[in-house]
């Protein structure tokens, strides 16, 4: 087999490998569409009643799972450290710490167990002048419902 044919076949094989690998990466995460979200908040050992809402997640939003499900650090009179984040395709964890007039710690863990279901826990702690303002945990379960209307 001539050298040029071997080079072309090798390049095609490499391209096919990366195309398959890319499709496997895209299989992780969740599907775009309308999501039913049920959350419960625990504060002081008391779990509140479930709160249901819905949200339409676009293709762009689900292609950026880390950005979509991570907090934005916009504070006044406080400085936030860079967010500490890990995303594996099935699990997203993050931690945000802000110090200043309002001291705040946010920890999140999202488990994308299927493309149509995820669970999450978000823990929030905040204090001002040494007084605890918030110490709560939110448990979230979300189920894909349909395409967006």
Foldseek 3Di string as FASTA:
>chain_A
DDPVVVVVVVVVVVVVVVVVVVVVLVQFFADFAKKKKWKWKDFPNDIDDIDIDIDGGDPVCRVCVQVNPDDDDDDDQKAKDPKDWDDDSFKIWIWIFIDGQKTKIKIKIKGNPHNFKIKMKIFIWIDGPPHTDDTMMMIMIMGHDGHYD
